[in-house]
PDB file of all heavy atoms in Angstrom:
ATOM      1  N   ALA A   1      39.801  12.965   3.412  1.00  0.00           N
ATOM      2  CA  ALA A   1      38.877  13.484   2.404  1.00  0.00           C
ATOM      3  C   ALA A   1      38.615  14.972   2.622  1.00  0.00           C
ATOM      4  O   ALA A   1      38.592  15.763   1.667  1.00  0.00           O
ATOM      5  CB  ALA A   1      37.565  12.699   2.461  1.00  0.00           C
ATOM      6  N   ILE A   2      38.428  15.367   3.874  1.00  0.00           N
ATOM      7  CA  ILE A   2      38.168  16.784   4.176  1.00  0.00           C
ATOM      8  C   ILE A   2      39.373  17.632   3.794  1.00  0.00           C
ATOM      9  O   ILE A   2      39.241  18.688   3.158  1.00  0.00           O
ATOM     10  CB  ILE A   2      37.819  16.950   5.661  1.00  0.00           C
ATOM     11  CG1 ILE A   2      36.461  16.312   5.966  1.00  0.00           C
ATOM     12  CG2 ILE A   2      37.809  18.423   6.049  1.00  0.00           C
ATOM     13  CD1 ILE A   2      36.098  16.287   7.435  1.00  0.00           C
ATOM     14  N   ARG A   3      40.570  17.175   4.158  1.00  0.00           N
ATOM     15  CA  ARG A   3      41.771  17.960   3.847  1.00  0.00           C
ATOM     16  C   ARG A   3      41.981  18.096   2.348  1.00  0.00           C
ATOM     17  O   ARG A   3      42.475  19.122   1.872  1.00  0.00           O
ATOM     18  CB  ARG A   3      42.995  17.293   4.480  1.00  0.00           C
ATOM     19  CG  ARG A   3      43.031  17.406   5.998  1.00  0.00           C
ATOM     20  CD  ARG A   3      44.071  16.488   6.588  1.00  0.00           C
ATOM     21  NE  ARG A   3      44.043  16.496   8.048  1.00  0.00           N
ATOM     22  CZ  ARG A   3      44.535  15.539   8.808  1.00  0.00           C
ATOM     23  NH1 ARG A   3      45.077  14.459   8.236  1.00  0.00           N
ATOM     24  NH2 ARG A   3      44.471  15.625  10.118  1.00  0.00           N
ATOM     25  N   ALA A   4      41.605  17.038   1.602  1.00  0.00           N
ATOM     26  CA  ALA A   4      41.783  17.071   0.148  1.00  0.00           C
ATOM     27  C   ALA A   4      40.622  17.747  -0.567  1.00  0.00           C
ATOM     28  O   ALA A   4      40.675  17.928  -1.787  1.00  0.00           O
ATOM     29  CB  ALA A   4      41.957  15.648  -0.377  1.00  0.00           C
ATOM     30  N   GLY A   5      39.559  18.080   0.156  1.00  0.00           N
ATOM     31  CA  GLY A   5      38.388  18.683  -0.488  1.00  0.00           C
ATOM     32  C   GLY A   5      37.543  17.670  -1.227  1.00  0.00           C
ATOM     33  O   GLY A   5      36.701  18.042  -2.048  1.00  0.00           O
ATOM     34  N   SER A   6      37.734  16.381  -0.944  1.00  0.00           N
ATOM     35  CA  SER A   6      36.977  15.326  -1.621  1.00  0.00           C
ATOM     36  C   SER A   6      35.647  15.096  -0.904  1.00  0.00           C
ATOM     37  O   SER A   6      35.555  15.242   0.322  1.00  0.00           O
ATOM     38  CB  SER A   6      37.785  14.035  -1.626  1.00  0.00           C
ATOM     39  OG  SER A   6      37.020  12.955  -2.124  1.00  0.00           O
ATOM     40  N   HIS A   7      34.622  14.693  -1.672  1.00  0.00           N
ATOM     41  CA  HIS A   7      33.301  14.461  -1.095  1.00  0.00           C
ATOM     42  C   HIS A   7      32.887  12.996  -1.203  1.00  0.00           C
ATOM     43  O   HIS A   7      31.688  12.684  -1.164  1.00  0.00           O
ATOM     44  CB  HIS A   7      32.259  15.365  -1.770  1.00  0.00           C
ATOM     45  CG  HIS A   7      32.382  16.789  -1.339  1.00  0.00           C
ATOM     46  ND1 HIS A   7      33.232  17.675  -1.961  1.00  0.00           N
ATOM     47  CD2 HIS A   7      31.781  17.482  -0.330  1.00  0.00           C
ATOM     48  CE1 HIS A   7      33.145  18.862  -1.376  1.00  0.00           C
ATOM     49  NE2 HIS A   7      32.275  18.768  -0.385  1.00  0.00           N
ATOM     50  N   GLU A   8      33.863  12.111  -1.332  1.00  0.00           N
ATOM     51  CA  GLU A   8      33.558  10.680  -1.304  1.00  0.00           C
ATOM     52  C   GLU A   8      34.761   9.915  -0.758  1.00  0.00           C
ATOM     53  O   GLU A   8      35.899  10.186  -1.128  1.00  0.00           O
ATOM     54  CB  GLU A   8      33.200  10.155  -2.691  1.00  0.00           C
ATOM     55  CG  GLU A   8      32.829   8.669  -2.678  1.00  0.00           C
ATOM     56  CD  GLU A   8      32.209   8.196  -3.989  1.00  0.00           C
ATOM     57  OE1 GLU A   8      31.603   9.035  -4.688  1.00  0.00           O
ATOM     58  OE2 GLU A   8      32.333   7.003  -4.300  1.00  0.00           O
ATOM     59  N   THR A   9      34.487   8.965   0.116  1.00  0.00           N
ATOM     60  CA  THR A   9      35.535   8.103   0.652  1.00  0.00           C
ATOM     61  C   THR A   9      34.905   6.804   1.121  1.00  0.00           C
ATOM     62  O   THR A   9      33.684   6.739   1.362  1.00  0.00           O
ATOM     63  CB  THR A   9      36.284   8.784   1.812  1.00  0.00           C
ATOM     64  OG1 THR A   9      37.435   8.016   2.149  1.00  0.00           O
ATOM     65  CG2 THR A   9      35.405   8.902   3.050  1.00  0.00           C
ATOM     66  N   ALA A  10      35.724   5.761   1.209  1.00  0.00           N
ATOM     67  CA  ALA A  10      35.227   4.439   1.607  1.00  0.00           C
ATOM     68  C   ALA A  10      35.470   4.213   3.095  1.00  0.00           C
ATOM     69  O   ALA A  10      36.524   4.581   3.628  1.00  0.00           O
ATOM     70  CB  ALA A  10      35.921   3.348   0.800  1.00  0.00           C
ATOM     71  N   LEU A  11      34.481   3.611   3.739  1.00  0.00           N
ATOM     72  CA  LEU A  11      34.625   3.238   5.139  1.00  0.00           C
ATOM     73  C   LEU A  11      35.368   1.899   5.214  1.00  0.00           C
ATOM     74  O   LEU A  11      34.891   0.903   4.659  1.00  0.00           O
ATOM     75  CB  LEU A  11      33.260   3.092   5.806  1.00  0.00           C
ATOM     76  CG  LEU A  11      32.465   4.383   6.045  1.00  0.00           C
ATOM     77  CD1 LEU A  11      31.086   4.039   6.599  1.00  0.00           C
ATOM     78  CD2 LEU A  11      33.214   5.299   6.999  1.00  0.00           C
ATOM     79  N   PRO A  12      36.499   1.827   5.863  1.00  0.00           N
ATOM     80  CA  PRO A  12      37.199   0.546   6.005  1.00  0.00           C
ATOM     81  C   PRO A  12      36.402  -0.393   6.907  1.00  0.00           C
ATOM     82  O   PRO A  12      35.911   0.023   7.957  1.00  0.00           O
ATOM     83  CB  PRO A  12      38.533   0.935   6.665  1.00  0.00           C
ATOM     84  CG  PRO A  12      38.652   2.418   6.479  1.00  0.00           C
ATOM     85  CD  PRO A  12      37.246   2.930   6.465  1.00  0.00           C
ATOM     86  N   VAL A  13      36.242  -1.655   6.451  1.00  0.00           N
ATOM     87  CA  VAL A  13      35.469  -2.612   7.238  1.00  0.00           C
ATOM     88  C   VAL A  13      36.271  -3.893   7.435  1.00  0.00           C
ATOM     89  O   VAL A  13      37.206  -4.186   6.690  1.00  0.00           O
ATOM     90  CB  VAL A  13      34.118  -2.944   6.563  1.00  0.00           C
ATOM     91  CG1 VAL A  13      33.234  -1.718   6.462  1.00  0.00           C
ATOM     92  CG2 VAL A  13      34.347  -3.563   5.180  1.00  0.00           C
ATOM     93  N   ARG A  14      35.901  -4.630   8.443  1.00  0.00           N
ATOM     94  CA  ARG A  14      36.484  -5.941   8.702  1.00  0.00           C
ATOM     95  C   ARG A  14      35.369  -6.973   8.663  1.00  0.00           C
ATOM     96  O   ARG A  14      34.307  -6.767   9.256  1.00  0.00           O
ATOM     97  CB  ARG A  14      37.165  -5.955  10.067  1.00  0.00           C
ATOM     98  CG  ARG A  14      37.734  -7.315  10.468  1.00  0.00           C
ATOM     99  CD  ARG A  14      38.563  -7.212  11.732  1.00  0.00           C
ATOM    100  NE  ARG A  14      37.771  -6.803  12.875  1.00  0.00           N
ATOM    101  CZ  ARG A  14      37.059  -7.628  13.644  1.00  0.00           C
ATOM    102  NH1 ARG A  14      37.009  -8.927  13.337  1.00  0.00           N
ATOM    103  NH2 ARG A  14      36.387  -7.193  14.683  1.00  0.00           N
ATOM    104  N   GLN A  15      35.600  -8.081   7.920  1.00  0.00           N
ATOM    105  CA  GLN A  15      34.577  -9.115   7.834  1.00  0.00           C
ATOM    106  C   GLN A  15      34.577  -9.952   9.115  1.00  0.00           C
ATOM    107  O   GLN A  15      35.619 -10.302   9.650  1.00  0.00           O
ATOM    108  CB  GLN A  15      34.825 -10.027   6.632  1.00  0.00           C
ATOM    109  CG  GLN A  15      33.688 -11.001   6.353  1.00  0.00           C
ATOM    110  CD  GLN A  15      33.937 -11.851   5.119  1.00  0.00           C
ATOM    111  OE1 GLN A  15      34.870 -12.647   5.102  1.00  0.00           O
ATOM    112  NE2 GLN A  15      33.119 -11.678   4.092  1.00  0.00           N
ATOM    113  N   VAL A  16      33.383 -10.270   9.591  1.00  0.00           N
ATOM    114  CA  VAL A  16      33.208 -11.085  10.788  1.00  0.00           C
ATOM    115  C   VAL A  16      32.708 -12.462  10.344  1.00  0.00           C
ATOM    116  O   VAL A  16      31.624 -12.575   9.751  1.00  0.00           O
ATOM    117  CB  VAL A  16      32.211 -10.440  11.768  1.00  0.00           C
ATOM    118  CG1 VAL A  16      32.058 -11.310  13.013  1.00  0.00           C
ATOM    119  CG2 VAL A  16      32.679  -9.027  12.150  1.00  0.00           C
ATOM    120  N   VAL A  17      33.488 -13.500  10.599  1.00  0.00           N
ATOM    121  CA  VAL A  17      33.144 -14.861  10.167  1.00  0.00           C
ATOM    122  C   VAL A  17      32.188 -15.495  11.171  1.00  0.00           C
ATOM    123  O   VAL A  17      32.389 -15.387  12.387  1.00  0.00           O
ATOM    124  CB  VAL A  17      34.415 -15.714  10.036  1.00  0.00           C
ATOM    125  CG1 VAL A  17      34.078 -17.139   9.614  1.00  0.00           C
ATOM    126  CG2 VAL A  17      35.381 -15.069   9.050  1.00  0.00           C
ATOM    127  N   PRO A  18      31.127 -16.175  10.706  1.00  0.00           N
ATOM    128  CA  PRO A  18      30.207 -16.845  11.632  1.00  0.00           C
ATOM    129  C   PRO A  18      30.925 -17.935  12.421  1.00  0.00           C
ATOM    130  O   PRO A  18      31.874 -18.554  11.938  1.00  0.00           O
ATOM    131  CB  PRO A  18      29.131 -17.435  10.718  1.00  0.00           C
ATOM    132  CG  PRO A  18      29.269 -16.713   9.423  1.00  0.00           C
ATOM    133  CD  PRO A  18      30.698 -16.330   9.301  1.00  0.00           C
ATOM    134  N   ASP A  19      30.461 -18.207  13.613  1.00  0.00           N
ATOM    135  CA  ASP A  19      31.025 -19.299  14.413  1.00  0.00           C
ATOM    136  C   ASP A  19      30.706 -20.666  13.796  1.00  0.00           C
ATOM    137  O   ASP A  19      31.509 -21.597  13.879  1.00  0.00           O
ATOM    138  CB  ASP A  19      30.478 -19.236  15.849  1.00  0.00           C
ATOM    139  CG  ASP A  19      30.969 -18.006  16.590  1.00  0.00           C
ATOM    140  OD1 ASP A  19      32.074 -17.511  16.258  1.00  0.00           O
ATOM    141  OD2 ASP A  19      30.260 -17.517  17.485  1.00  0.00           O
ATOM    142  N   VAL A  20      29.516 -20.790  13.190  1.00  0.00           N
ATOM    143  CA  VAL A  20      29.095 -22.055  12.567  1.00  0.00           C
ATOM    144  C   VAL A  20      28.858 -21.779  11.083  1.00  0.00           C
ATOM    145  O   VAL A  20      27.941 -21.039  10.715  1.00  0.00           O
ATOM    146  CB  VAL A  20      27.822 -22.607  13.213  1.00  0.00           C
ATOM    147  CG1 VAL A  20      27.419 -23.921  12.529  1.00  0.00           C
ATOM    148  CG2 VAL A  20      28.025 -22.822  14.706  1.00  0.00           C
ATOM    149  N   SER A  21      29.695 -22.384  10.224  1.00  0.00           N
ATOM    150  CA  SER A  21      29.540 -22.181   8.782  1.00  0.00           C
ATOM    151  C   SER A  21      28.548 -23.206   8.221  1.00  0.00           C
ATOM    152  O   SER A  21      28.242 -24.233   8.848  1.00  0.00           O
ATOM    153  CB  SER A  21      30.890 -22.328   8.091  1.00  0.00           C
ATOM    154  OG  SER A  21      31.360 -23.663   8.200  1.00  0.00           O
ATOM    155  N   ALA A  22      28.053 -22.961   7.009  1.00  0.00           N
ATOM    156  CA  ALA A  22      27.138 -23.885   6.352  1.00  0.00           C
ATOM    157  C   ALA A  22      27.836 -25.220   6.082  1.00  0.00           C
ATOM    158  O   ALA A  22      27.239 -26.297   6.214  1.00  0.00           O
ATOM    159  CB  ALA A  22      26.621 -23.272   5.050  1.00  0.00           C
ATOM    160  N   ALA A  23      29.129 -25.163   5.724  1.00  0.00           N
ATOM    161  CA  ALA A  23      29.864 -26.408   5.458  1.00  0.00           C
ATOM    162  C   ALA A  23      29.948 -27.269   6.714  1.00  0.00           C
ATOM    163  O   ALA A  23      29.781 -28.498   6.667  1.00  0.00           O
ATOM    164  CB  ALA A  23      31.266 -26.074   4.946  1.00  0.00           C
ATOM    165  N   ALA A  24      30.186 -26.635   7.850  1.00  0.00           N
ATOM    166  CA  ALA A  24      30.266 -27.400   9.092  1.00  0.00           C
ATOM    167  C   ALA A  24      28.904 -27.985   9.449  1.00  0.00           C
ATOM    168  O   ALA A  24      28.800 -29.127   9.924  1.00  0.00           O
ATOM    169  CB  ALA A  24      30.779 -26.503  10.217  1.00  0.00           C
ATOM    170  N   ALA A  25      27.845 -27.224   9.210  1.00  0.00           N
ATOM    171  CA  ALA A  25      26.506 -27.719   9.541  1.00  0.00           C
ATOM    172  C   ALA A  25      26.129 -28.905   8.658  1.00  0.00           C
ATOM    173  O   ALA A  25      25.454 -29.842   9.099  1.00  0.00           O
ATOM    174  CB  ALA A  25      25.493 -26.596   9.394  1.00  0.00           C
ATOM    175  N   ARG A  26      26.580 -28.912   7.409  1.00  0.00           N
ATOM    176  CA  ARG A  26      26.206 -30.006   6.499  1.00  0.00           C
ATOM    177  C   ARG A  26      26.910 -31.313   6.838  1.00  0.00           C
ATOM    178  O   ARG A  26      26.509 -32.374   6.361  1.00  0.00           O
ATOM    179  CB  ARG A  26      26.513 -29.590   5.066  1.00  0.00           C
ATOM    180  CG  ARG A  26      25.572 -28.506   4.539  1.00  0.00           C
ATOM    181  CD  ARG A  26      25.711 -28.302   3.046  1.00  0.00           C
ATOM    182  NE  ARG A  26      24.770 -27.295   2.589  1.00  0.00           N
ATOM    183  CZ  ARG A  26      25.084 -26.000   2.432  1.00  0.00           C
ATOM    184  NH1 ARG A  26      26.329 -25.589   2.697  1.00  0.00           N
ATOM    185  NH2 ARG A  26      24.174 -25.123   2.034  1.00  0.00           N
ATOM    186  N   ARG A  27      27.960 -31.241   7.634  1.00  0.00           N
ATOM    187  CA  ARG A  27      28.629 -32.480   8.032  1.00  0.00           C
ATOM    188  C   ARG A  27      27.830 -33.253   9.086  1.00  0.00           C
ATOM    189  O   ARG A  27      28.154 -34.391   9.411  1.00  0.00           O
ATOM    190  CB  ARG A  27      30.023 -32.153   8.574  1.00  0.00           C
ATOM    191  CG  ARG A  27      31.024 -31.723   7.486  1.00  0.00           C
ATOM    192  CD  ARG A  27      32.443 -31.831   7.962  1.00  0.00           C
ATOM    193  NE  ARG A  27      32.722 -30.890   9.056  1.00  0.00           N
ATOM    194  CZ  ARG A  27      33.195 -29.653   8.852  1.00  0.00           C
ATOM    195  NH1 ARG A  27      33.411 -29.224   7.608  1.00  0.00           N
ATOM    196  NH2 ARG A  27      33.430 -28.876   9.867  1.00  0.00           N
ATOM    197  N   ILE A  28      26.782 -32.673   9.633  1.00  0.00           N
ATOM    198  CA  ILE A  28      25.925 -33.353  10.606  1.00  0.00           C
ATOM    199  C   ILE A  28      24.898 -34.186   9.835  1.00  0.00           C
ATOM    200  O   ILE A  28      24.059 -33.627   9.116  1.00  0.00           O
ATOM    201  CB  ILE A  28      25.227 -32.335  11.523  1.00  0.00           C
ATOM    202  CG1 ILE A  28      26.284 -31.497  12.280  1.00  0.00           C
ATOM    203  CG2 ILE A  28      24.301 -33.038  12.503  1.00  0.00           C
ATOM    204  CD1 ILE A  28      25.706 -30.364  13.070  1.00  0.00           C
ATOM    205  N   ASP A  29      24.986 -35.528   9.944  1.00  0.00           N
ATOM    206  CA  ASP A  29      24.070 -36.391   9.189  1.00  0.00           C
ATOM    207  C   ASP A  29      23.384 -37.443  10.063  1.00  0.00           C
ATOM    208  O   ASP A  29      22.772 -38.371   9.568  1.00  0.00           O
ATOM    209  CB  ASP A  29      24.818 -37.088   8.046  1.00  0.00           C
ATOM    210  CG  ASP A  29      26.004 -37.912   8.572  1.00  0.00           C
ATOM    211  OD1 ASP A  29      26.175 -37.975   9.818  1.00  0.00           O
ATOM    212  OD2 ASP A  29      26.738 -38.465   7.749  1.00  0.00           O
ATOM    213  N   SER A  30      23.546 -37.312  11.381  1.00  0.00           N
ATOM    214  CA  SER A  30      22.922 -38.279  12.279  1.00  0.00           C
ATOM    215  C   SER A  30      22.136 -37.548  13.352  1.00  0.00           C
ATOM    216  O   SER A  30      22.561 -36.490  13.834  1.00  0.00           O
ATOM    217  CB  SER A  30      23.986 -39.162  12.943  1.00  0.00           C
ATOM    218  OG  SER A  30      24.705 -39.900  11.971  1.00  0.00           O
ATOM    219  N   LEU A  31      21.009 -38.161  13.703  1.00  0.00           N
ATOM    220  CA  LEU A  31      20.167 -37.590  14.741  1.00  0.00           C
ATOM    221  C   LEU A  31      20.279 -38.456  15.987  1.00  0.00           C
ATOM    222  O   LEU A  31      20.058 -39.662  15.943  1.00  0.00           O
ATOM    223  CB  LEU A  31      18.703 -37.557  14.265  1.00  0.00           C
ATOM    224  CG  LEU A  31      17.698 -36.957  15.260  1.00  0.00           C
ATOM    225  CD1 LEU A  31      17.977 -35.483  15.486  1.00  0.00           C
ATOM    226  CD2 LEU A  31      16.282 -37.163  14.721  1.00  0.00           C
ATOM    227  N   ILE A  32      20.679 -37.845  17.079  1.00  0.00           N
ATOM    228  CA  ILE A  32      20.770 -38.592  18.329  1.00  0.00           C
ATOM    229  C   ILE A  32      19.393 -38.750  18.947  1.00  0.00           C
ATOM    230  O   ILE A  32      19.015 -39.831  19.397  1.00  0.00           O
ATOM    231  CB  ILE A  32      21.721 -37.878  19.295  1.00  0.00           C
ATOM    232  CG1 ILE A  32      23.151 -37.911  18.731  1.00  0.00           C
ATOM    233  CG2 ILE A  32      21.694 -38.526  20.669  1.00  0.00           C
ATOM    234  CD1 ILE A  32      24.140 -37.161  19.571  1.00  0.00           C
ATOM    235  N   GLY A  33      18.627 -37.709  18.975  1.00  0.00           N
ATOM    236  CA  GLY A  33      17.295 -37.851  19.541  1.00  0.00           C
ATOM    237  C   GLY A  33      16.663 -36.510  19.816  1.00  0.00           C
ATOM    238  O   GLY A  33      17.335 -35.492  19.913  1.00  0.00           O
ATOM    239  N   THR A  34      15.380 -36.529  19.866  1.00  0.00           N
ATOM    240  CA  THR A  34      14.629 -35.339  20.254  1.00  0.00           C
ATOM    241  C   THR A  34      13.556 -35.752  21.237  1.00  0.00           C
ATOM    242  O   THR A  34      13.082 -36.896  21.226  1.00  0.00           O
ATOM    243  CB  THR A  34      13.964 -34.681  19.023  1.00  0.00           C
ATOM    244  OG1 THR A  34      13.032 -35.595  18.467  1.00  0.00           O
ATOM    245  CG2 THR A  34      14.995 -34.289  17.981  1.00  0.00           C
ATOM    246  N   PHE A  35      13.203 -34.891  22.095  1.00  0.00           N
ATOM    247  CA  PHE A  35      12.097 -35.168  23.009  1.00  0.00           C
ATOM    248  C   PHE A  35      11.550 -33.849  23.521  1.00  0.00           C
ATOM    249  O   PHE A  35      12.173 -32.800  23.393  1.00  0.00           O
ATOM    250  CB  PHE A  35      12.553 -36.047  24.176  1.00  0.00           C
ATOM    251  CG  PHE A  35      13.596 -35.399  25.053  1.00  0.00           C
ATOM    252  CD1 PHE A  35      13.225 -34.640  26.161  1.00  0.00           C
ATOM    253  CD2 PHE A  35      14.950 -35.569  24.778  1.00  0.00           C
ATOM    254  CE1 PHE A  35      14.188 -34.050  26.958  1.00  0.00           C
ATOM    255  CE2 PHE A  35      15.909 -34.981  25.584  1.00  0.00           C
ATOM    256  CZ  PHE A  35      15.531 -34.215  26.678  1.00  0.00           C
ATOM    257  N   THR A  36      10.422 -33.918  24.078  1.00  0.00           N
ATOM    258  CA  THR A  36       9.761 -32.749  24.654  1.00  0.00           C
ATOM    259  C   THR A  36       9.390 -33.075  26.084  1.00  0.00           C
ATOM    260  O   THR A  36       8.912 -34.169  26.381  1.00  0.00           O
ATOM    261  CB  THR A  36       8.488 -32.387  23.867  1.00  0.00           C
ATOM    262  OG1 THR A  36       8.850 -32.142  22.509  1.00  0.00           O
ATOM    263  CG2 THR A  36       7.815 -31.168  24.461  1.00  0.00           C
ATOM    264  N   THR A  37       9.636 -32.162  26.945  1.00  0.00           N
ATOM    265  CA  THR A  37       9.254 -32.356  28.342  1.00  0.00           C
ATOM    266  C   THR A  37       8.398 -31.192  28.793  1.00  0.00           C
ATOM    267  O   THR A  37       8.646 -30.060  28.397  1.00  0.00           O
ATOM    268  CB  THR A  37      10.494 -32.498  29.248  1.00  0.00           C
ATOM    269  OG1 THR A  37      10.073 -32.724  30.590  1.00  0.00           O
ATOM    270  CG2 THR A  37      11.348 -31.243  29.217  1.00  0.00           C
ATOM    271  N   MET A  38       7.442 -31.468  29.569  1.00  0.00           N
ATOM    272  CA  MET A  38       6.556 -30.434  30.099  1.00  0.00           C
ATOM    273  C   MET A  38       6.932 -30.177  31.550  1.00  0.00           C
ATOM    274  O   MET A  38       7.245 -31.106  32.305  1.00  0.00           O
ATOM    275  CB  MET A  38       5.095 -30.893  30.015  1.00  0.00           C
ATOM    276  CG  MET A  38       4.669 -31.306  28.603  1.00  0.00           C
ATOM    277  SD  MET A  38       4.822 -29.962  27.384  1.00  0.00           S
ATOM    278  CE  MET A  38       3.565 -28.853  28.045  1.00  0.00           C
ATOM    279  N   TYR A  39       6.947 -28.953  31.932  1.00  0.00           N
ATOM    280  CA  TYR A  39       7.267 -28.654  33.323  1.00  0.00           C
ATOM    281  C   TYR A  39       6.509 -27.393  33.740  1.00  0.00           C
ATOM    282  O   TYR A  39       6.101 -26.584  32.917  1.00  0.00           O
ATOM    283  CB  TYR A  39       8.767 -28.467  33.526  1.00  0.00           C
ATOM    284  CG  TYR A  39       9.346 -27.299  32.767  1.00  0.00           C
ATOM    285  CD1 TYR A  39       9.452 -26.044  33.369  1.00  0.00           C
ATOM    286  CD2 TYR A  39       9.809 -27.462  31.454  1.00  0.00           C
ATOM    287  CE1 TYR A  39       9.987 -24.985  32.665  1.00  0.00           C
ATOM    288  CE2 TYR A  39      10.332 -26.410  30.754  1.00  0.00           C
ATOM    289  CZ  TYR A  39      10.433 -25.158  31.368  1.00  0.00           C
ATOM    290  OH  TYR A  39      10.959 -24.110  30.681  1.00  0.00           O
ATOM    291  N   VAL A  40       6.358 -27.302  35.031  1.00  0.00           N
ATOM    292  CA  VAL A  40       5.679 -26.126  35.598  1.00  0.00           C
ATOM    293  C   VAL A  40       6.727 -25.078  35.914  1.00  0.00           C
ATOM    294  O   VAL A  40       7.699 -25.369  36.608  1.00  0.00           O
ATOM    295  CB  VAL A  40       4.913 -26.507  36.876  1.00  0.00           C
ATOM    296  CG1 VAL A  40       4.248 -25.276  37.475  1.00  0.00           C
ATOM    297  CG2 VAL A  40       3.893 -27.595  36.581  1.00  0.00           C
ATOM    298  N   PRO A  41       6.575 -23.867  35.413  1.00  0.00           N
ATOM    299  CA  PRO A  41       7.570 -22.821  35.703  1.00  0.00           C
ATOM    300  C   PRO A  41       7.755 -22.647  37.205  1.00  0.00           C
ATOM    301  O   PRO A  41       6.804 -22.711  37.976  1.00  0.00           O
ATOM    302  CB  PRO A  41       6.966 -21.579  35.060  1.00  0.00           C
ATOM    303  CG  PRO A  41       6.049 -22.098  34.011  1.00  0.00           C
ATOM    304  CD  PRO A  41       5.496 -23.382  34.551  1.00  0.00           C
ATOM    305  N   GLY A  42       9.028 -22.465  37.612  1.00  0.00           N
ATOM    306  CA  GLY A  42       9.308 -22.230  39.020  1.00  0.00           C
ATOM    307  C   GLY A  42       9.898 -23.421  39.715  1.00  0.00           C
ATOM    308  O   GLY A  42      10.446 -23.309  40.809  1.00  0.00           O
ATOM    309  N   GLN A  43       9.778 -24.635  39.115  1.00  0.00           N
ATOM    310  CA  GLN A  43      10.365 -25.799  39.743  1.00  0.00           C
ATOM    311  C   GLN A  43      11.889 -25.733  39.649  1.00  0.00           C
ATOM    312  O   GLN A  43      12.446 -25.140  38.717  1.00  0.00           O
ATOM    313  CB  GLN A  43       9.869 -27.074  39.068  1.00  0.00           C
ATOM    314  CG  GLN A  43       8.371 -27.343  39.308  1.00  0.00           C
ATOM    315  CD  GLN A  43       7.914 -28.621  38.635  1.00  0.00           C
ATOM    316  OE1 GLN A  43       8.661 -29.209  37.863  1.00  0.00           O
ATOM    317  NE2 GLN A  43       6.702 -29.036  38.943  1.00  0.00           N
ATOM    318  N   PRO A  44      12.607 -26.350  40.593  1.00  0.00           N
ATOM    319  CA  PRO A  44      14.075 -26.271  40.605  1.00  0.00           C
ATOM    320  C   PRO A  44      14.711 -26.774  39.331  1.00  0.00           C
ATOM    321  O   PRO A  44      15.754 -26.279  38.918  1.00  0.00           O
ATOM    322  CB  PRO A  44      14.463 -27.135  41.804  1.00  0.00           C
ATOM    323  CG  PRO A  44      13.263 -27.097  42.697  1.00  0.00           C
ATOM    324  CD  PRO A  44      12.067 -27.033  41.782  1.00  0.00           C
ATOM    325  N   ARG A  45      14.112 -27.750  38.651  1.00  0.00           N
ATOM    326  CA  ARG A  45      14.758 -28.306  37.468  1.00  0.00           C
ATOM    327  C   ARG A  45      14.712 -27.362  36.272  1.00  0.00           C
ATOM    328  O   ARG A  45      15.362 -27.615  35.252  1.00  0.00           O
ATOM    329  CB  ARG A  45      14.119 -29.632  37.088  1.00  0.00           C
ATOM    330  CG  ARG A  45      12.645 -29.530  36.693  1.00  0.00           C
ATOM    331  CD  ARG A  45      12.109 -30.872  36.248  1.00  0.00           C
ATOM    332  NE  ARG A  45      10.712 -30.807  35.875  1.00  0.00           N
ATOM    333  CZ  ARG A  45      10.054 -31.797  35.290  1.00  0.00           C
ATOM    334  NH1 ARG A  45      10.686 -32.925  35.044  1.00  0.00           N
ATOM    335  NH2 ARG A  45       8.791 -31.672  34.978  1.00  0.00           N
ATOM    336  N   VAL A  46      13.965 -26.283  36.395  1.00  0.00           N
ATOM    337  CA  VAL A  46      13.905 -25.323  35.279  1.00  0.00           C
ATOM    338  C   VAL A  46      15.301 -24.805  34.946  1.00  0.00           C
ATOM    339  O   VAL A  46      15.683 -24.655  33.783  1.00  0.00           O
ATOM    340  CB  VAL A  46      12.960 -24.162  35.642  1.00  0.00           C
ATOM    341  CG1 VAL A  46      13.110 -23.035  34.613  1.00  0.00           C
ATOM    342  CG2 VAL A  46      11.528 -24.652  35.714  1.00  0.00           C
TER     343      VAL A  46
END
């Protein structure tokens, strides 16, 4: 652009695909389980 005296040019870009797509997420239709555990910070199991 500078050599041609032009004052506009496009920046070339590359698209980055997500690791997890919406289509892949929608295939999940079963819940194995959820739970909550309480622990004191500093214990080895942390």
